């Protein structure tokens, strides 16, 4: 996470979610090595609710400039041609 994006995240936490600056400062101290963990640390310490955590993730997704490419379809293993006939039985003879 770029310093600018982190600053925007902190502004979002304070203005939109009313997270106290002291709580944000605690989270930032705990995530100095990996700043992108800030939302999880705030939740882990009980400083944001799961609803707020969801809002934070939604905000991060909307404001992120990182593109992970198009969604790939998920093919169930049992239906994938390359795996047909290779399923293991869970029962023993």
Protein backbone atom coordinates (compact mmCIF):
# COMPACT_ATOMS: atom_id res chain seq x y z
CA UNK A 1 0.00 0.00 0.00
CA UNK A 2 1.45 3.33 -1.03
CA UNK A 3 1.87 6.03 1.62
CA UNK A 4 -0.74 8.13 -0.19
CA UNK A 5 -3.28 5.27 -0.20
CA UNK A 6 -2.57 4.59 3.48
CA UNK A 7 -3.21 8.27 4.24
CA UNK A 8 -6.52 8.03 2.36
CA UNK A 9 -7.40 4.90 4.34
CA UNK A 10 -6.73 6.69 7.62
CA UNK A 11 -8.94 9.59 6.49
CA UNK A 12 -11.70 7.11 5.59
CA UNK A 13 -11.40 5.39 8.98
CA UNK A 14 -11.66 8.69 10.83
CA UNK A 15 -14.26 10.52 8.76
CA UNK A 16 -16.57 7.76 7.52
CA UNK A 17 -16.27 5.14 10.29
CA UNK A 18 -15.48 7.47 13.22
CA UNK A 19 -12.54 5.33 14.37
CA UNK A 20 -10.68 7.28 17.07
CA UNK A 21 -7.17 8.47 16.15
CA UNK A 22 -5.76 6.59 19.15
CA UNK A 23 -7.13 3.31 17.78
CA UNK A 24 -5.68 4.00 14.34
CA UNK A 25 -2.31 4.91 15.88
CA UNK A 26 -2.27 1.62 17.82
CA UNK A 27 -3.04 -0.31 14.65
CA UNK A 28 -0.36 1.52 12.70
CA UNK A 29 2.25 0.79 15.36
CA UNK A 30 1.40 -2.90 15.13
CA UNK A 31 1.64 -2.92 11.32
CA UNK A 32 4.80 -0.93 10.65
CA UNK A 33 6.35 -3.82 8.71
CA UNK A 34 3.20 -4.61 6.70
CA UNK A 35 0.88 -1.56 6.56
CA UNK A 36 -1.73 -3.42 4.51
CA UNK A 37 -2.59 -5.43 7.65
CA UNK A 38 -4.02 -2.34 9.38
CA UNK A 39 -7.69 -3.32 8.89
CA UNK A 40 -7.10 -6.81 10.27
CA UNK A 41 -5.15 -5.53 13.26
CA UNK A 42 -7.90 -3.03 14.10
CA UNK A 43 -10.43 -5.89 13.98
CA UNK A 44 -8.16 -8.26 15.93
CA UNK A 45 -7.89 -5.74 18.77
CA UNK A 46 -11.63 -5.15 18.74
CA UNK A 47 -11.26 -1.59 17.51
CA UNK A 48 -13.60 -2.10 14.54
CA UNK A 49 -16.62 -4.35 14.17
CA UNK A 50 -16.91 -7.03 11.50
CA UNK A 51 -19.39 -4.75 9.72
CA UNK A 52 -16.84 -1.93 9.73
CA UNK A 53 -14.15 -4.35 8.57
CA UNK A 54 -16.35 -5.25 5.61
CA UNK A 55 -16.79 -1.55 4.84
CA UNK A 56 -13.03 -1.07 4.99
CA UNK A 57 -12.46 -3.95 2.57
CA UNK A 58 -15.14 -2.55 0.26
CA UNK A 59 -13.44 0.85 0.36
CA UNK A 60 -10.02 -0.70 -0.30
CA UNK A 61 -11.41 -2.62 -3.27
CA UNK A 62 -13.01 0.51 -4.72
CA UNK A 63 -9.94 2.69 -4.28
CA UNK A 64 -7.20 0.20 -5.05
CA UNK A 65 -5.20 0.77 -8.20
CA UNK A 66 -3.99 -2.83 -8.17
CA UNK A 67 -5.55 -5.01 -10.82
CA UNK A 68 -5.52 -8.74 -10.35
CA UNK A 69 -6.88 -9.45 -13.81
CA UNK A 70 -10.24 -10.89 -14.81
CA UNK A 71 -12.00 -13.36 -12.59
CA UNK A 72 -11.33 -16.91 -13.67
CA UNK A 73 -14.20 -19.37 -13.64
CA UNK A 74 -14.09 -22.02 -10.95
CA UNK A 75 -14.54 -25.51 -12.32
CA UNK A 76 -15.52 -28.10 -9.75
CA UNK A 77 -12.89 -30.81 -9.61
CA UNK A 78 -15.42 -33.59 -10.24
CA UNK A 79 -16.51 -31.91 -13.51
CA UNK A 80 -13.08 -31.00 -14.82
CA UNK A 81 -12.09 -33.43 -17.63
CA UNK A 82 -8.50 -33.72 -16.48
CA UNK A 83 -9.63 -35.00 -13.08
CA UNK A 84 -12.35 -37.43 -14.14
CA UNK A 85 -11.69 -40.87 -12.85
CA UNK A 86 -9.03 -39.66 -10.41
CA UNK A 87 -11.33 -38.99 -7.46
CA UNK A 88 -10.38 -40.97 -4.39
CA UNK A 89 -12.90 -43.01 -2.55
CA UNK A 90 -13.34 -42.07 1.08
CA UNK A 91 -14.44 -45.59 2.01
CA UNK A 92 -12.08 -48.46 2.50
CA UNK A 93 -12.72 -51.95 1.15
